[in-house]
Amino acid sequence: MNPVEKGYKKVNGIHLYYEIYGSGKPLVLIHGGGSSFLFDFKEVIARLEGKFQLIGIDLQNHGRSEHRDIPETFE
């Protein structure tokens, strides 16, 4: 399980961490609250990276993404 691409993208003033696995039709992996995409989807990535392009994103204040001193919402 090695990403074909990984890094940070600046979105709405913060750097969000992402990793891309596999190729094919894109499938975005968005983790639950209090987690990170690798924690929630490690097994999914291992099983599906040969069938899809999997794009994992750590939401703000989670995983490797930056933290901001503002309230978090899912809106």
PDB file of N, CA and C in Angstrom:
ATOM      1  N   MET A   1       0.840  -1.179   0.000  1.00  0.00           N
ATOM      2  CA  MET A   1       0.000   0.000   0.000  1.00  0.00           C
ATOM      3  C   MET A   1       0.886   1.243   0.000  1.00  0.00           C
ATOM      4  N   ASN A   2       1.221   1.708  -1.185  1.00  0.00           N
ATOM      5  CA  ASN A   2       2.022   2.912  -1.329  1.00  0.00           C
ATOM      6  C   ASN A   2       1.260   3.924  -2.162  1.00  0.00           C
ATOM      7  N   PRO A   3       1.113   5.151  -1.655  1.00  0.00           N
ATOM      8  CA  PRO A   3       0.387   6.154  -2.438  1.00  0.00           C
ATOM      9  C   PRO A   3       1.142   6.513  -3.710  1.00  0.00           C
ATOM     10  N   VAL A   4       0.392   6.783  -4.789  1.00  0.00           N
ATOM     11  CA  VAL A   4       1.002   7.253  -6.028  1.00  0.00           C
ATOM     12  C   VAL A   4       1.273   8.749  -5.948  1.00  0.00           C
ATOM     13  N   GLU A   5       0.591   9.422  -5.016  1.00  0.00           N
ATOM     14  CA  GLU A   5       0.793  10.851  -4.790  1.00  0.00           C
ATOM     15  C   GLU A   5       0.379  11.155  -3.364  1.00  0.00           C
ATOM     16  N   LYS A   6       1.064  12.101  -2.733  1.00  0.00           N
ATOM     17  CA  LYS A   6       0.669  12.556  -1.407  1.00  0.00           C
ATOM     18  C   LYS A   6       1.221  13.946  -1.195  1.00  0.00           C
ATOM     19  N   GLY A   7       0.604  14.664  -0.271  1.00  0.00           N
ATOM     20  CA  GLY A   7       1.082  16.010   0.009  1.00  0.00           C
ATOM     21  C   GLY A   7       0.011  16.855   0.648  1.00  0.00           C
ATOM     22  N   TYR A   8       0.156  18.158   0.471  1.00  0.00           N
ATOM     23  CA  TYR A   8      -0.759  19.129   1.050  1.00  0.00           C
ATOM     24  C   TYR A   8      -1.291  20.038  -0.043  1.00  0.00           C
ATOM     25  N   LYS A   9      -2.554  20.392   0.063  1.00  0.00           N
ATOM     26  CA  LYS A   9      -3.182  21.377  -0.813  1.00  0.00           C
ATOM     27  C   LYS A   9      -3.773  22.462   0.077  1.00  0.00           C
ATOM     28  N   LYS A  10      -3.570  23.719  -0.308  1.00  0.00           N
ATOM     29  CA  LYS A  10      -4.137  24.823   0.462  1.00  0.00           C
ATOM     30  C   LYS A  10      -5.606  24.988   0.074  1.00  0.00           C
ATOM     31  N   VAL A  11      -6.491  24.837   1.058  1.00  0.00           N
ATOM     32  CA  VAL A  11      -7.938  24.928   0.854  1.00  0.00           C
ATOM     33  C   VAL A  11      -8.519  25.800   1.955  1.00  0.00           C
ATOM     34  N   ASN A  12      -9.208  26.857   1.578  1.00  0.00           N
ATOM     35  CA  ASN A  12      -9.846  27.755   2.552  1.00  0.00           C
ATOM     36  C   ASN A  12      -8.878  28.217   3.643  1.00  0.00           C
ATOM     37  N   GLY A  13      -7.644  28.499   3.244  1.00  0.00           N
ATOM     38  CA  GLY A  13      -6.679  29.076   4.173  1.00  0.00           C
ATOM     39  C   GLY A  13      -5.880  28.094   5.012  1.00  0.00           C
ATOM     40  N   ILE A  14      -6.089  26.795   4.862  1.00  0.00           N
ATOM     41  CA  ILE A  14      -5.289  25.821   5.609  1.00  0.00           C
ATOM     42  C   ILE A  14      -4.732  24.768   4.649  1.00  0.00           C
ATOM     43  N   HIS A  15      -3.706  24.067   5.086  1.00  0.00           N
ATOM     44  CA  HIS A  15      -3.124  22.991   4.291  1.00  0.00           C
ATOM     45  C   HIS A  15      -3.766  21.661   4.699  1.00  0.00           C
ATOM     46  N   LEU A  16      -4.507  21.068   3.756  1.00  0.00           N
ATOM     47  CA  LEU A  16      -5.122  19.764   3.985  1.00  0.00           C
ATOM     48  C   LEU A  16      -4.208  18.684   3.435  1.00  0.00           C
ATOM     49  N   TYR A  17      -4.011  17.620   4.221  1.00  0.00           N
ATOM     50  CA  TYR A  17      -3.188  16.495   3.788  1.00  0.00           C
ATOM     51  C   TYR A  17      -4.031  15.523   2.978  1.00  0.00           C
ATOM     52  N   TYR A  18      -3.428  14.970   1.907  1.00  0.00           N
ATOM     53  CA  TYR A  18      -4.130  13.985   1.086  1.00  0.00           C
ATOM     54  C   TYR A  18      -3.152  12.912   0.613  1.00  0.00           C
ATOM     55  N   GLU A  19      -3.685  11.776   0.249  1.00  0.00           N
ATOM     56  CA  GLU A  19      -2.940  10.707  -0.406  1.00  0.00           C
ATOM     57  C   GLU A  19      -3.839  10.106  -1.487  1.00  0.00           C
ATOM     58  N   ILE A  20      -3.218   9.697  -2.598  1.00  0.00           N
ATOM     59  CA  ILE A  20      -3.943   9.068  -3.701  1.00  0.00           C
ATOM     60  C   ILE A  20      -3.347   7.684  -3.934  1.00  0.00           C
ATOM     61  N   TYR A  21      -4.223   6.687  -4.050  1.00  0.00           N
ATOM     62  CA  TYR A  21      -3.831   5.299  -4.282  1.00  0.00           C
ATOM     63  C   TYR A  21      -4.506   4.793  -5.544  1.00  0.00           C
ATOM     64  N   GLY A  22      -3.830   3.936  -6.297  1.00  0.00           N
ATOM     65  CA  GLY A  22      -4.428   3.260  -7.439  1.00  0.00           C
ATOM     66  C   GLY A  22      -4.744   4.181  -8.597  1.00  0.00           C
ATOM     67  N   SER A  23      -5.546   3.635  -9.525  1.00  0.00           N
ATOM     68  CA  SER A  23      -5.985   4.399 -10.694  1.00  0.00           C
ATOM     69  C   SER A  23      -7.364   3.894 -11.092  1.00  0.00           C
ATOM     70  N   GLY A  24      -8.009   4.661 -11.926  1.00  0.00           N
ATOM     71  CA  GLY A  24      -9.362   4.306 -12.368  1.00  0.00           C
ATOM     72  C   GLY A  24     -10.357   5.365 -11.944  1.00  0.00           C
ATOM     73  N   LYS A  25     -11.598   4.956 -11.809  1.00  0.00           N
ATOM     74  CA  LYS A  25     -12.661   5.878 -11.417  1.00  0.00           C
ATOM     75  C   LYS A  25     -12.372   6.397 -10.005  1.00  0.00           C
ATOM     76  N   PRO A  26     -12.392   7.728  -9.786  1.00  0.00           N
ATOM     77  CA  PRO A  26     -12.054   8.272  -8.471  1.00  0.00           C
ATOM     78  C   PRO A  26     -13.116   7.983  -7.412  1.00  0.00           C
ATOM     79  N   LEU A  27     -12.635   7.696  -6.213  1.00  0.00           N
ATOM     80  CA  LEU A  27     -13.475   7.486  -5.044  1.00  0.00           C
ATOM     81  C   LEU A  27     -12.838   8.256  -3.891  1.00  0.00           C
ATOM     82  N   VAL A  28     -13.540   9.262  -3.382  1.00  0.00           N
ATOM     83  CA  VAL A  28     -13.009  10.102  -2.305  1.00  0.00           C
ATOM     84  C   VAL A  28     -13.368   9.473  -0.965  1.00  0.00           C
ATOM     85  N   LEU A  29     -12.362   9.338  -0.086  1.00  0.00           N
ATOM     86  CA  LEU A  29     -12.538   8.742   1.240  1.00  0.00           C
ATOM     87  C   LEU A  29     -12.548   9.853   2.286  1.00  0.00           C
ATOM     88  N   ILE A  30     -13.684  10.077   2.912  1.00  0.00           N
ATOM     89  CA  ILE A  30     -13.829  11.120   3.924  1.00  0.00           C
ATOM     90  C   ILE A  30     -14.105  10.436   5.260  1.00  0.00           C
ATOM     91  N   HIS A  31     -13.197  10.630   6.192  1.00  0.00           N
ATOM     92  CA  HIS A  31     -13.272   9.947   7.485  1.00  0.00           C
ATOM     93  C   HIS A  31     -14.329  10.566   8.398  1.00  0.00           C
ATOM     94  N   GLY A  32     -14.625   9.862   9.478  1.00  0.00           N
ATOM     95  CA  GLY A  32     -15.557  10.344  10.489  1.00  0.00           C
ATOM     96  C   GLY A  32     -14.906  11.336  11.431  1.00  0.00           C
ATOM     97  N   GLY A  33     -15.686  11.911  12.314  1.00  0.00           N
ATOM     98  CA  GLY A  33     -15.171  12.871  13.285  1.00  0.00           C
ATOM     99  C   GLY A  33     -14.192  12.228  14.248  1.00  0.00           C
ATOM    100  N   GLY A  34     -13.134  12.954  14.580  1.00  0.00           N
ATOM    101  CA  GLY A  34     -12.153  12.469  15.539  1.00  0.00           C
ATOM    102  C   GLY A  34     -11.219  11.408  14.998  1.00  0.00           C
ATOM    103  N   SER A  35     -11.082  11.304  13.685  1.00  0.00           N
ATOM    104  CA  SER A  35     -10.287  10.245  13.089  1.00  0.00           C
ATOM    105  C   SER A  35      -9.396  10.817  11.995  1.00  0.00           C
ATOM    106  N   SER A  36      -8.900   9.928  11.116  1.00  0.00           N
ATOM    107  CA  SER A  36      -8.159  10.309   9.915  1.00  0.00           C
ATOM    108  C   SER A  36      -8.497   9.289   8.837  1.00  0.00           C
ATOM    109  N   PHE A  37      -8.225   9.627   7.577  1.00  0.00           N
ATOM    110  CA  PHE A  37      -8.632   8.693   6.520  1.00  0.00           C
ATOM    111  C   PHE A  37      -7.866   7.373   6.598  1.00  0.00           C
ATOM    112  N   LEU A  38      -6.577   7.384   6.962  1.00  0.00           N
ATOM    113  CA  LEU A  38      -5.842   6.115   7.044  1.00  0.00           C
ATOM    114  C   LEU A  38      -6.359   5.232   8.174  1.00  0.00           C
ATOM    115  N   PHE A  39      -6.737   5.840   9.293  1.00  0.00           N
ATOM    116  CA  PHE A  39      -7.279   5.055  10.404  1.00  0.00           C
ATOM    117  C   PHE A  39      -8.589   4.389   9.989  1.00  0.00           C
ATOM    118  N   ASP A  40      -9.463   5.155   9.342  1.00  0.00           N
ATOM    119  CA  ASP A  40     -10.781   4.626   8.972  1.00  0.00           C
ATOM    120  C   ASP A  40     -10.759   3.714   7.743  1.00  0.00           C
ATOM    121  N   PHE A  41      -9.832   3.939   6.806  1.00  0.00           N
ATOM    122  CA  PHE A  41      -9.928   3.279   5.499  1.00  0.00           C
ATOM    123  C   PHE A  41      -8.718   2.436   5.108  1.00  0.00           C
ATOM    124  N   LYS A  42      -7.825   2.108   6.024  1.00  0.00           N
ATOM    125  CA  LYS A  42      -6.632   1.333   5.679  1.00  0.00           C
ATOM    126  C   LYS A  42      -6.996   0.023   4.978  1.00  0.00           C
ATOM    127  N   GLU A  43      -7.951  -0.707   5.509  1.00  0.00           N
ATOM    128  CA  GLU A  43      -8.366  -1.976   4.900  1.00  0.00           C
ATOM    129  C   GLU A  43      -9.075  -1.753   3.565  1.00  0.00           C
ATOM    130  N   VAL A  44      -9.876  -0.719   3.464  1.00  0.00           N
ATOM    131  CA  VAL A  44     -10.567  -0.395   2.209  1.00  0.00           C
ATOM    132  C   VAL A  44      -9.542  -0.090   1.114  1.00  0.00           C
ATOM    133  N   ILE A  45      -8.516   0.698   1.458  1.00  0.00           N
ATOM    134  CA  ILE A  45      -7.481   1.034   0.484  1.00  0.00           C
ATOM    135  C   ILE A  45      -6.785  -0.233  -0.004  1.00  0.00           C
ATOM    136  N   ALA A  46      -6.423  -1.105   0.909  1.00  0.00           N
ATOM    137  CA  ALA A  46      -5.743  -2.349   0.536  1.00  0.00           C
ATOM    138  C   ALA A  46      -6.589  -3.197  -0.410  1.00  0.00           C
ATOM    139  N   ARG A  47      -7.890  -3.209  -0.212  1.00  0.00           N
ATOM    140  CA  ARG A  47      -8.775  -4.049  -1.032  1.00  0.00           C
ATOM    141  C   ARG A  47      -9.171  -3.410  -2.360  1.00  0.00           C
ATOM    142  N   LEU A  48      -9.232  -2.062  -2.418  1.00  0.00           N
ATOM    143  CA  LEU A  48      -9.793  -1.412  -3.604  1.00  0.00           C
ATOM    144  C   LEU A  48      -8.804  -0.626  -4.453  1.00  0.00           C
ATOM    145  N   GLU A  49      -7.543  -0.495  -4.030  1.00  0.00           N
ATOM    146  CA  GLU A  49      -6.623   0.347  -4.794  1.00  0.00           C
ATOM    147  C   GLU A  49      -6.347  -0.205  -6.191  1.00  0.00           C
ATOM    148  N   GLY A  50      -6.596  -1.478  -6.432  1.00  0.00           N
ATOM    149  CA  GLY A  50      -6.436  -2.047  -7.769  1.00  0.00           C
ATOM    150  C   GLY A  50      -7.638  -1.819  -8.669  1.00  0.00           C
ATOM    151  N   LYS A  51      -8.722  -1.271  -8.126  1.00  0.00           N
ATOM    152  CA  LYS A  51      -9.956  -1.092  -8.890  1.00  0.00           C
ATOM    153  C   LYS A  51     -10.372   0.366  -9.054  1.00  0.00           C
ATOM    154  N   PHE A  52      -9.907   1.247  -8.169  1.00  0.00           N
ATOM    155  CA  PHE A  52     -10.307   2.649  -8.172  1.00  0.00           C
ATOM    156  C   PHE A  52      -9.095   3.545  -7.923  1.00  0.00           C
ATOM    157  N   GLN A  53      -9.263   4.815  -8.233  1.00  0.00           N
ATOM    158  CA  GLN A  53      -8.331   5.831  -7.764  1.00  0.00           C
ATOM    159  C   GLN A  53      -8.914   6.323  -6.437  1.00  0.00           C
ATOM    160  N   LEU A  54      -8.257   5.996  -5.341  1.00  0.00           N
ATOM    161  CA  LEU A  54      -8.743   6.332  -4.004  1.00  0.00           C
ATOM    162  C   LEU A  54      -8.056   7.605  -3.524  1.00  0.00           C
ATOM    163  N   ILE A  55      -8.853   8.588  -3.148  1.00  0.00           N
ATOM    164  CA  ILE A  55      -8.341   9.875  -2.708  1.00  0.00           C
ATOM    165  C   ILE A  55      -8.723  10.057  -1.248  1.00  0.00           C
ATOM    166  N   GLY A  56      -7.735   9.988  -0.371  1.00  0.00           N
ATOM    167  CA  GLY A  56      -7.974  10.146   1.063  1.00  0.00           C
ATOM    168  C   GLY A  56      -7.589  11.536   1.515  1.00  0.00           C
ATOM    169  N   ILE A  57      -8.454  12.158   2.291  1.00  0.00           N
ATOM    170  CA  ILE A  57      -8.232  13.523   2.764  1.00  0.00           C
ATOM    171  C   ILE A  57      -8.413  13.552   4.273  1.00  0.00           C
ATOM    172  N   ASP A  58      -7.444  14.154   4.976  1.00  0.00           N
ATOM    173  CA  ASP A  58      -7.613  14.423   6.407  1.00  0.00           C
ATOM    174  C   ASP A  58      -8.286  15.783   6.545  1.00  0.00           C
ATOM    175  N   LEU A  59      -9.468  15.806   7.143  1.00  0.00           N
ATOM    176  CA  LEU A  59     -10.186  17.059   7.336  1.00  0.00           C
ATOM    177  C   LEU A  59      -9.428  17.973   8.299  1.00  0.00           C
ATOM    178  N   GLN A  60      -9.803  19.261   8.331  1.00  0.00           N
ATOM    179  CA  GLN A  60      -9.107  20.200   9.224  1.00  0.00           C
ATOM    180  C   GLN A  60      -9.129  19.705  10.659  1.00  0.00           C
ATOM    181  N   ASN A  61      -8.034  19.944  11.353  1.00  0.00           N
ATOM    182  CA  ASN A  61      -7.866  19.532  12.759  1.00  0.00           C
ATOM    183  C   ASN A  61      -7.859  18.017  12.957  1.00  0.00           C
ATOM    184  N   HIS A  62      -7.605  17.255  11.896  1.00  0.00           N
ATOM    185  CA  HIS A  62      -7.541  15.793  11.971  1.00  0.00           C
ATOM    186  C   HIS A  62      -6.281  15.309  11.251  1.00  0.00           C
ATOM    187  N   GLY A  63      -5.761  14.178  11.697  1.00  0.00           N
ATOM    188  CA  GLY A  63      -4.621  13.572  11.017  1.00  0.00           C
ATOM    189  C   GLY A  63      -3.479  14.549  10.828  1.00  0.00           C
ATOM    190  N   ARG A  64      -3.026  14.691   9.593  1.00  0.00           N
ATOM    191  CA  ARG A  64      -1.883  15.547   9.278  1.00  0.00           C
ATOM    192  C   ARG A  64      -2.276  16.928   8.768  1.00  0.00           C
ATOM    193  N   SER A  65      -3.571  17.225   8.714  1.00  0.00           N
ATOM    194  CA  SER A  65      -4.015  18.543   8.249  1.00  0.00           C
ATOM    195  C   SER A  65      -3.848  19.590   9.339  1.00  0.00           C
ATOM    196  N   GLU A  66      -3.744  20.847   8.887  1.00  0.00           N
ATOM    197  CA  GLU A  66      -3.525  21.952   9.817  1.00  0.00           C
ATOM    198  C   GLU A  66      -4.712  22.180  10.741  1.00  0.00           C
ATOM    199  N   HIS A  67      -4.394  22.810  11.835  1.00  0.00           N
ATOM    200  CA  HIS A  67      -5.399  23.184  12.825  1.00  0.00           C
ATOM    201  C   HIS A  67      -5.658  24.681  12.736  1.00  0.00           C
ATOM    202  N   ARG A  68      -6.890  25.069  12.958  1.00  0.00           N
ATOM    203  CA  ARG A  68      -7.248  26.483  13.012  1.00  0.00           C
ATOM    204  C   ARG A  68      -7.963  26.737  14.322  1.00  0.00           C
ATOM    205  N   ASP A  69      -7.827  27.931  14.810  1.00  0.00           N
ATOM    206  CA  ASP A  69      -8.473  28.310  16.054  1.00  0.00           C
ATOM    207  C   ASP A  69      -9.875  28.856  15.777  1.00  0.00           C
ATOM    208  N   ILE A  70     -10.699  28.003  15.160  1.00  0.00           N
ATOM    209  CA  ILE A  70     -12.098  28.360  14.881  1.00  0.00           C
ATOM    210  C   ILE A  70     -12.949  27.136  15.176  1.00  0.00           C
ATOM    211  N   PRO A  71     -14.233  27.325  15.432  1.00  0.00           N
ATOM    212  CA  PRO A  71     -15.098  26.165  15.676  1.00  0.00           C
ATOM    213  C   PRO A  71     -15.162  25.250  14.448  1.00  0.00           C
ATOM    214  N   GLU A  72     -15.229  23.958  14.679  1.00  0.00           N
ATOM    215  CA  GLU A  72     -15.358  22.986  13.590  1.00  0.00           C
ATOM    216  C   GLU A  72     -16.836  22.674  13.354  1.00  0.00           C
ATOM    217  N   THR A  73     -17.207  22.553  12.096  1.00  0.00           N
ATOM    218  CA  THR A  73     -18.551  22.104  11.732  1.00  0.00           C
ATOM    219  C   THR A  73     -18.431  21.177  10.538  1.00  0.00           C
ATOM    220  N   PHE A  74     -19.476  20.439  10.228  1.00  0.00           N
ATOM    221  CA  PHE A  74     -19.491  19.594   9.050  1.00  0.00           C
ATOM    222  C   PHE A  74     -20.239  20.258   7.896  1.00  0.00           C
ATOM    223  N   GLU A  75     -20.564  21.512   8.033  1.00  0.00           N
ATOM    224  CA  GLU A  75     -21.275  22.238   6.961  1.00  0.00           C
ATOM    225  C   GLU A  75     -20.353  22.648   5.859  1.00  0.00           C
TER     226      GLU A  75
END
